[in-house]
Amino acid sequence: MKNSTKILFYLLLLPTLALCVLILLRVFGKSSYYTDDITRTQNHLFEKAQVKIAIWSTNQYVSIDETNQLNTALRKVDIEHNSFKLNASQQDDLVNSILNFLVAFHAGNYLAYKEFRLPINWIIADAYYDKVIKYISQQTGQSTADLRLKSQDEISEMFVKLRSDGAFYKNFFTSVCPQEVKVEINKLNAPPADLAKEVEVENGTNSIGVASYDPIYSFDRSPDVILHEDGELIYAKVKLLIKTKEPDSKDMPCPVYLSLIWDRKTTKWLPWQLVSGNFWQNSKVILVF
């Protein structure tokens, strides 16, 4: 009986071992296949990005110092009105907001930054205030208690200065390609979608790599407030191709996407979301949005 049991055990064991080996071979084979597939996809996307960059590099760029030339070029941009057409005043104000955006990260002073980023009453959002205070304290040695006695504007100015390596983004943006400026206008009946996801869909997921900048400021006139009052949102999505002095960019142009919302009550375009190609690697300079 013992010999029969042993024989039966080995008869059952051998097929089981064979099945396990077969499963392992399939798993590792599939894993290898997927790894190779991912590598091929990444290489393909990298090649596509290199082609795009090569094309962008041959375009004509206008220095942000050339304000008049840049102003003229931007006012010639064809605005794509999808579900809403801007009136002349709204269109003029939108071009001014785009100009202010470029100058905000070029002029090298806090007032230029504020003119673009903070056009109406604002505060540092509750979710970020403590983090901002802590960061400033760590960088300057000032106590958090003393920092909390300062005005929101003083805290904002200190934070922007620190995040721009003390230069208020002096010449961070250097030039822009007018022929690559794209502006879309839509009327929405719900808060805007995540701009980073929109950009990824448009360009193919992770085709260029996307960096999204969380807004640290909160306006009195939020999209929810405007939507409640007006029953709709007038939404502008702007695409720009910008060169920077960022050392690691190697003078490569970088696609930048900016969204804004029209506030009828204050007649201002409110900056809403900012996304860029993931080209800027300098940890000393981080865009505050």
Foldseek 3Di string as FASTA:
>chain_A
DVVVVVVVVVVVVVVVVVVVVVVVCVVVVVVVVVVVVVVVVVVVLVVVVVVVLVVVVPFDKDWLVPVVVLLVLQVPDDAAEDADDDDPLLVNQVSVLVNLVLCQLAVQDVVSVCVNAPVADKAQDPVCPVVLLVVLCVVPVDDSVVVVVDDRVVSVRSSCCQQALNRSNHQQWTIWGSVPKYKYKDKAQDDDDDVQVVVCVVCPHPSQAKDWADARMDHPCDPVNQCVVVSIKIKMKIWIWTFGPQVQLVRGTKIKIWMWIARPVVRHTHTDIIMIGPRRDPSRHDDHD
